[in-house]
Amino acid sequence: MKSHAMTTDFKQRYLSEFEVVATSNLEGKSIIGAELISLGGRELRSVRRHGIKLAYSPDLTLQGGDKLTFACSSPHVVK
């Protein structure tokens, strides 16, 4: 019988939520146009509008008040 050493590599993920301000340069841009697909180790996980989670699409146009949730590992947490 062979014995296998077992290693576990747990990577803690952190979530951050940001709101699109109505007068910001993000309003009216698509997710891809705003370059929010991948931000150096941060990943866009969801977009909520008026409390409703929207179906993800790179072409989704952002509106003021949208809440964007990003996930990242500990080295990418902004202090």
PDB file of N, CA and C in Angstrom:
ATOM      1  N   MET A   1       0.838  -1.172   0.000  1.00  0.00           N
ATOM      2  CA  MET A   1       0.000   0.000   0.000  1.00  0.00           C
ATOM      3  C   MET A   1       0.884   1.236   0.000  1.00  0.00           C
ATOM      4  N   LYS A   2       0.599   2.148  -0.891  1.00  0.00           N
ATOM      5  CA  LYS A   2       1.381   3.376  -0.973  1.00  0.00           C
ATOM      6  C   LYS A   2       0.802   4.436  -0.046  1.00  0.00           C
ATOM      7  N   SER A   3       1.682   5.209   0.508  1.00  0.00           N
ATOM      8  CA  SER A   3       1.262   6.315   1.362  1.00  0.00           C
ATOM      9  C   SER A   3       1.510   7.616   0.622  1.00  0.00           C
ATOM     10  N   HIS A   4       0.533   8.475   0.622  1.00  0.00           N
ATOM     11  CA  HIS A   4       0.662   9.766  -0.048  1.00  0.00           C
ATOM     12  C   HIS A   4       0.644  10.866   1.002  1.00  0.00           C
ATOM     13  N   ALA A   5       1.657  11.698   0.942  1.00  0.00           N
ATOM     14  CA  ALA A   5       1.654  12.873   1.820  1.00  0.00           C
ATOM     15  C   ALA A   5       0.587  13.826   1.298  1.00  0.00           C
ATOM     16  N   MET A   6      -0.167  14.361   2.185  1.00  0.00           N
ATOM     17  CA  MET A   6      -1.261  15.243   1.797  1.00  0.00           C
ATOM     18  C   MET A   6      -0.939  16.663   2.222  1.00  0.00           C
ATOM     19  N   THR A   7      -0.998  17.544   1.282  1.00  0.00           N
ATOM     20  CA  THR A   7      -0.790  18.952   1.612  1.00  0.00           C
ATOM     21  C   THR A   7      -2.052  19.709   1.253  1.00  0.00           C
ATOM     22  N   THR A   8      -2.326  20.690   2.038  1.00  0.00           N
ATOM     23  CA  THR A   8      -3.485  21.535   1.749  1.00  0.00           C
ATOM     24  C   THR A   8      -2.999  22.953   1.577  1.00  0.00           C
ATOM     25  N   ASP A   9      -3.467  23.566   0.547  1.00  0.00           N
ATOM     26  CA  ASP A   9      -3.081  24.940   0.249  1.00  0.00           C
ATOM     27  C   ASP A   9      -4.336  25.798   0.310  1.00  0.00           C
ATOM     28  N   PHE A  10      -4.597  26.337   1.490  1.00  0.00           N
ATOM     29  CA  PHE A  10      -5.775  27.167   1.668  1.00  0.00           C
ATOM     30  C   PHE A  10      -5.437  28.599   1.297  1.00  0.00           C
ATOM     31  N   LYS A  11      -6.205  29.151   0.415  1.00  0.00           N
ATOM     32  CA  LYS A  11      -6.018  30.547   0.035  1.00  0.00           C
ATOM     33  C   LYS A  11      -7.248  31.310   0.486  1.00  0.00           C
ATOM     34  N   GLN A  12      -7.030  32.175   1.420  1.00  0.00           N
ATOM     35  CA  GLN A  12      -8.129  32.979   1.929  1.00  0.00           C
ATOM     36  C   GLN A  12      -8.518  34.005   0.872  1.00  0.00           C
ATOM     37  N   ARG A  13      -9.815  34.133   0.640  1.00  0.00           N
ATOM     38  CA  ARG A  13     -10.329  35.109  -0.328  1.00  0.00           C
ATOM     39  C   ARG A  13     -11.070  36.192   0.445  1.00  0.00           C
ATOM     40  N   TYR A  14     -10.924  37.414   0.000  1.00  0.00           N
ATOM     41  CA  TYR A  14     -11.579  38.553   0.615  1.00  0.00           C
ATOM     42  C   TYR A  14     -12.528  39.182  -0.394  1.00  0.00           C
ATOM     43  N   LEU A  15     -13.631  39.685   0.103  1.00  0.00           N
ATOM     44  CA  LEU A  15     -14.605  40.360  -0.748  1.00  0.00           C
ATOM     45  C   LEU A  15     -14.635  41.841  -0.393  1.00  0.00           C
ATOM     46  N   SER A  16     -14.717  42.668  -1.421  1.00  0.00           N
ATOM     47  CA  SER A  16     -14.859  44.114  -1.239  1.00  0.00           C
ATOM     48  C   SER A  16     -15.997  44.580  -2.116  1.00  0.00           C
ATOM     49  N   GLU A  17     -16.786  45.516  -1.598  1.00  0.00           N
ATOM     50  CA  GLU A  17     -17.905  46.044  -2.370  1.00  0.00           C
ATOM     51  C   GLU A  17     -17.697  47.530  -2.611  1.00  0.00           C
ATOM     52  N   PHE A  18     -17.955  47.946  -3.841  1.00  0.00           N
ATOM     53  CA  PHE A  18     -17.827  49.336  -4.237  1.00  0.00           C
ATOM     54  C   PHE A  18     -19.119  49.771  -4.912  1.00  0.00           C
ATOM     55  N   GLU A  19     -19.461  51.027  -4.751  1.00  0.00           N
ATOM     56  CA  GLU A  19     -20.661  51.562  -5.396  1.00  0.00           C
ATOM     57  C   GLU A  19     -20.265  52.507  -6.515  1.00  0.00           C
ATOM     58  N   VAL A  20     -20.939  52.364  -7.654  1.00  0.00           N
ATOM     59  CA  VAL A  20     -20.718  53.269  -8.776  1.00  0.00           C
ATOM     60  C   VAL A  20     -21.442  54.574  -8.458  1.00  0.00           C
ATOM     61  N   VAL A  21     -20.693  55.651  -8.376  1.00  0.00           N
ATOM     62  CA  VAL A  21     -21.271  56.972  -8.101  1.00  0.00           C
ATOM     63  C   VAL A  21     -21.898  57.490  -9.393  1.00  0.00           C
ATOM     64  N   ALA A  22     -23.085  58.074  -9.274  1.00  0.00           N
ATOM     65  CA  ALA A  22     -23.842  58.513 -10.453  1.00  0.00           C
ATOM     66  C   ALA A  22     -23.064  59.471 -11.354  1.00  0.00           C
ATOM     67  N   THR A  23     -22.178  60.258 -10.792  1.00  0.00           N
ATOM     68  CA  THR A  23     -21.442  61.231 -11.604  1.00  0.00           C
ATOM     69  C   THR A  23     -20.032  60.753 -11.950  1.00  0.00           C
ATOM     70  N   SER A  24     -19.731  59.466 -11.673  1.00  0.00           N
ATOM     71  CA  SER A  24     -18.381  58.965 -11.926  1.00  0.00           C
ATOM     72  C   SER A  24     -18.177  58.638 -13.400  1.00  0.00           C
ATOM     73  N   ASN A  25     -16.914  58.426 -13.758  1.00  0.00           N
ATOM     74  CA  ASN A  25     -16.609  58.074 -15.145  1.00  0.00           C
ATOM     75  C   ASN A  25     -16.969  56.624 -15.467  1.00  0.00           C
ATOM     76  N   LEU A  26     -17.400  55.838 -14.469  1.00  0.00           N
ATOM     77  CA  LEU A  26     -17.832  54.458 -14.719  1.00  0.00           C
ATOM     78  C   LEU A  26     -19.271  54.383 -15.216  1.00  0.00           C
ATOM     79  N   GLU A  27     -20.075  55.361 -14.834  1.00  0.00           N
ATOM     80  CA  GLU A  27     -21.488  55.331 -15.227  1.00  0.00           C
ATOM     81  C   GLU A  27     -21.605  55.384 -16.746  1.00  0.00           C
ATOM     82  N   GLY A  28     -22.374  54.448 -17.282  1.00  0.00           N
ATOM     83  CA  GLY A  28     -22.599  54.384 -18.724  1.00  0.00           C
ATOM     84  C   GLY A  28     -21.588  53.533 -19.470  1.00  0.00           C
ATOM     85  N   LYS A  29     -20.538  53.076 -18.785  1.00  0.00           N
ATOM     86  CA  LYS A  29     -19.550  52.207 -19.422  1.00  0.00           C
ATOM     87  C   LYS A  29     -19.930  50.747 -19.190  1.00  0.00           C
ATOM     88  N   SER A  30     -19.503  49.904 -20.116  1.00  0.00           N
ATOM     89  CA  SER A  30     -19.683  48.464 -19.921  1.00  0.00           C
ATOM     90  C   SER A  30     -18.599  47.974 -18.968  1.00  0.00           C
ATOM     91  N   ILE A  31     -18.787  46.777 -18.443  1.00  0.00           N
ATOM     92  CA  ILE A  31     -17.783  46.197 -17.550  1.00  0.00           C
ATOM     93  C   ILE A  31     -16.450  46.080 -18.276  1.00  0.00           C
ATOM     94  N   ILE A  32     -16.495  45.614 -19.507  1.00  0.00           N
ATOM     95  CA  ILE A  32     -15.245  45.470 -20.262  1.00  0.00           C
ATOM     96  C   ILE A  32     -14.674  46.839 -20.629  1.00  0.00           C
ATOM     97  N   GLY A  33     -15.540  47.788 -20.975  1.00  0.00           N
ATOM     98  CA  GLY A  33     -15.082  49.134 -21.320  1.00  0.00           C
ATOM     99  C   GLY A  33     -14.464  49.863 -20.143  1.00  0.00           C
ATOM    100  N   ALA A  34     -14.915  49.538 -18.944  1.00  0.00           N
ATOM    101  CA  ALA A  34     -14.363  50.137 -17.721  1.00  0.00           C
ATOM    102  C   ALA A  34     -13.154  49.365 -17.211  1.00  0.00           C
ATOM    103  N   GLU A  35     -12.779  48.307 -17.953  1.00  0.00           N
ATOM    104  CA  GLU A  35     -11.625  47.468 -17.614  1.00  0.00           C
ATOM    105  C   GLU A  35     -11.744  46.855 -16.218  1.00  0.00           C
ATOM    106  N   LEU A  36     -12.936  46.319 -15.924  1.00  0.00           N
ATOM    107  CA  LEU A  36     -13.193  45.736 -14.609  1.00  0.00           C
ATOM    108  C   LEU A  36     -13.201  44.213 -14.616  1.00  0.00           C
ATOM    109  N   ILE A  37     -12.850  43.596 -15.722  1.00  0.00           N
ATOM    110  CA  ILE A  37     -12.858  42.137 -15.805  1.00  0.00           C
ATOM    111  C   ILE A  37     -11.866  41.546 -14.811  1.00  0.00           C
ATOM    112  N   SER A  38     -10.629  41.980 -14.855  1.00  0.00           N
ATOM    113  CA  SER A  38      -9.590  41.494 -13.951  1.00  0.00           C
ATOM    114  C   SER A  38      -8.661  42.651 -13.637  1.00  0.00           C
ATOM    115  N   LEU A  39      -8.505  42.937 -12.367  1.00  0.00           N
ATOM    116  CA  LEU A  39      -7.694  44.074 -11.944  1.00  0.00           C
ATOM    117  C   LEU A  39      -6.518  43.604 -11.097  1.00  0.00           C
ATOM    118  N   GLY A  40      -5.498  43.078 -11.719  1.00  0.00           N
ATOM    119  CA  GLY A  40      -4.293  42.690 -10.993  1.00  0.00           C
ATOM    120  C   GLY A  40      -4.540  41.853  -9.762  1.00  0.00           C
ATOM    121  N   GLY A  41      -5.142  40.688  -9.933  1.00  0.00           N
ATOM    122  CA  GLY A  41      -5.402  39.802  -8.808  1.00  0.00           C
ATOM    123  C   GLY A  41      -6.772  39.971  -8.193  1.00  0.00           C
ATOM    124  N   ARG A  42      -7.508  40.952  -8.648  1.00  0.00           N
ATOM    125  CA  ARG A  42      -8.877  41.159  -8.167  1.00  0.00           C
ATOM    126  C   ARG A  42      -9.840  40.714  -9.265  1.00  0.00           C
ATOM    127  N   GLU A  43     -10.910  40.065  -8.859  1.00  0.00           N
ATOM    128  CA  GLU A  43     -11.872  39.519  -9.813  1.00  0.00           C
ATOM    129  C   GLU A  43     -13.267  40.045  -9.497  1.00  0.00           C
ATOM    130  N   LEU A  44     -13.942  40.580 -10.510  1.00  0.00           N
ATOM    131  CA  LEU A  44     -15.315  41.042 -10.329  1.00  0.00           C
ATOM    132  C   LEU A  44     -16.210  39.824 -10.165  1.00  0.00           C
ATOM    133  N   ARG A  45     -16.906  39.738  -9.034  1.00  0.00           N
ATOM    134  CA  ARG A  45     -17.741  38.572  -8.735  1.00  0.00           C
ATOM    135  C   ARG A  45     -19.216  38.808  -9.010  1.00  0.00           C
ATOM    136  N   SER A  46     -19.699  40.037  -8.758  1.00  0.00           N
ATOM    137  CA  SER A  46     -21.121  40.283  -8.984  1.00  0.00           C
ATOM    138  C   SER A  46     -21.402  41.772  -9.112  1.00  0.00           C
ATOM    139  N   VAL A  47     -22.544  42.048  -9.735  1.00  0.00           N
ATOM    140  CA  VAL A  47     -23.064  43.411  -9.846  1.00  0.00           C
ATOM    141  C   VAL A  47     -24.496  43.369  -9.346  1.00  0.00           C
ATOM    142  N   ARG A  48     -24.819  44.252  -8.410  1.00  0.00           N
ATOM    143  CA  ARG A  48     -26.187  44.360  -7.891  1.00  0.00           C
ATOM    144  C   ARG A  48     -26.732  45.731  -8.235  1.00  0.00           C
ATOM    145  N   ARG A  49     -27.972  45.732  -8.682  1.00  0.00           N
ATOM    146  CA  ARG A  49     -28.664  46.983  -9.017  1.00  0.00           C
ATOM    147  C   ARG A  49     -30.002  46.963  -8.303  1.00  0.00           C
ATOM    148  N   HIS A  50     -30.223  47.951  -7.439  1.00  0.00           N
ATOM    149  CA  HIS A  50     -31.459  48.041  -6.644  1.00  0.00           C
ATOM    150  C   HIS A  50     -31.696  46.755  -5.847  1.00  0.00           C
ATOM    151  N   GLY A  51     -30.584  46.149  -5.356  1.00  0.00           N
ATOM    152  CA  GLY A  51     -30.686  44.953  -4.535  1.00  0.00           C
ATOM    153  C   GLY A  51     -30.823  43.651  -5.301  1.00  0.00           C
ATOM    154  N   ILE A  52     -30.834  43.711  -6.624  1.00  0.00           N
ATOM    155  CA  ILE A  52     -30.988  42.512  -7.445  1.00  0.00           C
ATOM    156  C   ILE A  52     -29.658  42.178  -8.106  1.00  0.00           C
ATOM    157  N   LYS A  53     -29.230  40.920  -7.945  1.00  0.00           N
ATOM    158  CA  LYS A  53     -27.986  40.481  -8.580  1.00  0.00           C
ATOM    159  C   LYS A  53     -28.237  40.302 -10.070  1.00  0.00           C
ATOM    160  N   LEU A  54     -27.440  40.992 -10.884  1.00  0.00           N
ATOM    161  CA  LEU A  54     -27.611  40.944 -12.331  1.00  0.00           C
ATOM    162  C   LEU A  54     -26.819  39.798 -12.933  1.00  0.00           C
ATOM    163  N   ALA A  55     -27.306  39.287 -14.048  1.00  0.00           N
ATOM    164  CA  ALA A  55     -26.570  38.255 -14.778  1.00  0.00           C
ATOM    165  C   ALA A  55     -25.286  38.879 -15.306  1.00  0.00           C
ATOM    166  N   TYR A  56     -24.183  38.170 -15.132  1.00  0.00           N
ATOM    167  CA  TYR A  56     -22.889  38.713 -15.530  1.00  0.00           C
ATOM    168  C   TYR A  56     -22.731  38.705 -17.041  1.00  0.00           C
ATOM    169  N   SER A  57     -22.285  39.817 -17.562  1.00  0.00           N
ATOM    170  CA  SER A  57     -21.950  39.941 -18.973  1.00  0.00           C
ATOM    171  C   SER A  57     -20.911  41.046 -19.100  1.00  0.00           C
ATOM    172  N   PRO A  58     -19.849  40.835 -19.869  1.00  0.00           N
ATOM    173  CA  PRO A  58     -18.860  41.892 -20.058  1.00  0.00           C
ATOM    174  C   PRO A  58     -19.463  43.147 -20.695  1.00  0.00           C
ATOM    175  N   ASP A  59     -20.608  42.973 -21.368  1.00  0.00           N
ATOM    176  CA  ASP A  59     -21.264  44.103 -22.028  1.00  0.00           C
ATOM    177  C   ASP A  59     -22.263  44.832 -21.130  1.00  0.00           C
ATOM    178  N   LEU A  60     -22.413  44.377 -19.891  1.00  0.00           N
ATOM    179  CA  LEU A  60     -23.349  45.012 -18.961  1.00  0.00           C
ATOM    180  C   LEU A  60     -22.956  46.477 -18.748  1.00  0.00           C
ATOM    181  N   THR A  61     -23.896  47.391 -18.946  1.00  0.00           N
ATOM    182  CA  THR A  61     -23.636  48.817 -18.766  1.00  0.00           C
ATOM    183  C   THR A  61     -23.877  49.201 -17.318  1.00  0.00           C
ATOM    184  N   LEU A  62     -22.879  49.834 -16.718  1.00  0.00           N
ATOM    185  CA  LEU A  62     -22.965  50.244 -15.313  1.00  0.00           C
ATOM    186  C   LEU A  62     -23.807  51.495 -15.157  1.00  0.00           C
ATOM    187  N   GLN A  63     -24.534  51.543 -14.049  1.00  0.00           N
ATOM    188  CA  GLN A  63     -25.363  52.697 -13.712  1.00  0.00           C
ATOM    189  C   GLN A  63     -25.000  53.178 -12.319  1.00  0.00           C
ATOM    190  N   GLY A  64     -25.249  54.457 -12.062  1.00  0.00           N
ATOM    191  CA  GLY A  64     -25.034  54.994 -10.729  1.00  0.00           C
ATOM    192  C   GLY A  64     -25.828  54.197  -9.710  1.00  0.00           C
ATOM    193  N   GLY A  65     -25.193  53.867  -8.600  1.00  0.00           N
ATOM    194  CA  GLY A  65     -25.844  53.081  -7.560  1.00  0.00           C
ATOM    195  C   GLY A  65     -25.561  51.592  -7.643  1.00  0.00           C
ATOM    196  N   ASP A  66     -25.029  51.120  -8.781  1.00  0.00           N
ATOM    197  CA  ASP A  66     -24.673  49.706  -8.882  1.00  0.00           C
ATOM    198  C   ASP A  66     -23.630  49.374  -7.826  1.00  0.00           C
ATOM    199  N   LYS A  67     -23.741  48.189  -7.250  1.00  0.00           N
ATOM    200  CA  LYS A  67     -22.773  47.722  -6.256  1.00  0.00           C
ATOM    201  C   LYS A  67     -21.949  46.609  -6.888  1.00  0.00           C
ATOM    202  N   LEU A  68     -20.641  46.806  -6.930  1.00  0.00           N
ATOM    203  CA  LEU A  68     -19.719  45.858  -7.537  1.00  0.00           C
ATOM    204  C   LEU A  68     -18.982  45.112  -6.436  1.00  0.00           C
ATOM    205  N   THR A  69     -19.006  43.789  -6.487  1.00  0.00           N
ATOM    206  CA  THR A  69     -18.308  42.973  -5.500  1.00  0.00           C
ATOM    207  C   THR A  69     -17.107  42.317  -6.169  1.00  0.00           C
ATOM    208  N   PHE A  70     -15.941  42.531  -5.564  1.00  0.00           N
ATOM    209  CA  PHE A  70     -14.691  41.962  -6.056  1.00  0.00           C
ATOM    210  C   PHE A  70     -14.158  40.963  -5.044  1.00  0.00           C
ATOM    211  N   ALA A  71     -13.459  39.941  -5.537  1.00  0.00           N
ATOM    212  CA  ALA A  71     -12.769  38.969  -4.683  1.00  0.00           C
ATOM    213  C   ALA A  71     -11.283  39.054  -4.978  1.00  0.00           C
ATOM    214  N   CYS A  72     -10.482  38.850  -3.933  1.00  0.00           N
ATOM    215  CA  CYS A  72      -9.033  38.828  -4.112  1.00  0.00           C
ATOM    216  C   CYS A  72      -8.411  38.000  -2.997  1.00  0.00           C
ATOM    217  N   SER A  73      -7.179  37.582  -3.215  1.00  0.00           N
ATOM    218  CA  SER A  73      -6.444  36.889  -2.156  1.00  0.00           C
ATOM    219  C   SER A  73      -5.709  37.923  -1.318  1.00  0.00           C
ATOM    220  N   SER A  74      -5.199  37.508  -0.179  1.00  0.00           N
ATOM    221  CA  SER A  74      -4.623  38.464   0.768  1.00  0.00           C
ATOM    222  C   SER A  74      -3.518  39.352   0.204  1.00  0.00           C
ATOM    223  N   PRO A  75      -2.652  38.899  -0.709  1.00  0.00           N
ATOM    224  CA  PRO A  75      -1.635  39.812  -1.218  1.00  0.00           C
ATOM    225  C   PRO A  75      -2.202  40.991  -2.024  1.00  0.00           C
ATOM    226  N   HIS A  76      -3.458  40.859  -2.466  1.00  0.00           N
ATOM    227  CA  HIS A  76      -4.054  41.899  -3.299  1.00  0.00           C
ATOM    228  C   HIS A  76      -5.051  42.787  -2.562  1.00  0.00           C
ATOM    229  N   VAL A  77      -5.148  42.634  -1.265  1.00  0.00           N
ATOM    230  CA  VAL A  77      -6.064  43.462  -0.486  1.00  0.00           C
ATOM    231  C   VAL A  77      -5.487  44.881  -0.424  1.00  0.00           C
ATOM    232  N   VAL A  78      -6.327  45.841  -0.738  1.00  0.00           N
ATOM    233  CA  VAL A  78      -5.903  47.244  -0.711  1.00  0.00           C
ATOM    234  C   VAL A  78      -6.056  47.764   0.700  1.00  0.00           C
ATOM    235  N   LYS A  79      -5.020  48.387   1.202  1.00  0.00           N
ATOM    236  CA  LYS A  79      -5.077  48.935   2.559  1.00  0.00           C
ATOM    237  C   LYS A  79      -5.328  50.412   2.501  1.00  0.00           C
TER     238      LYS A  79
END
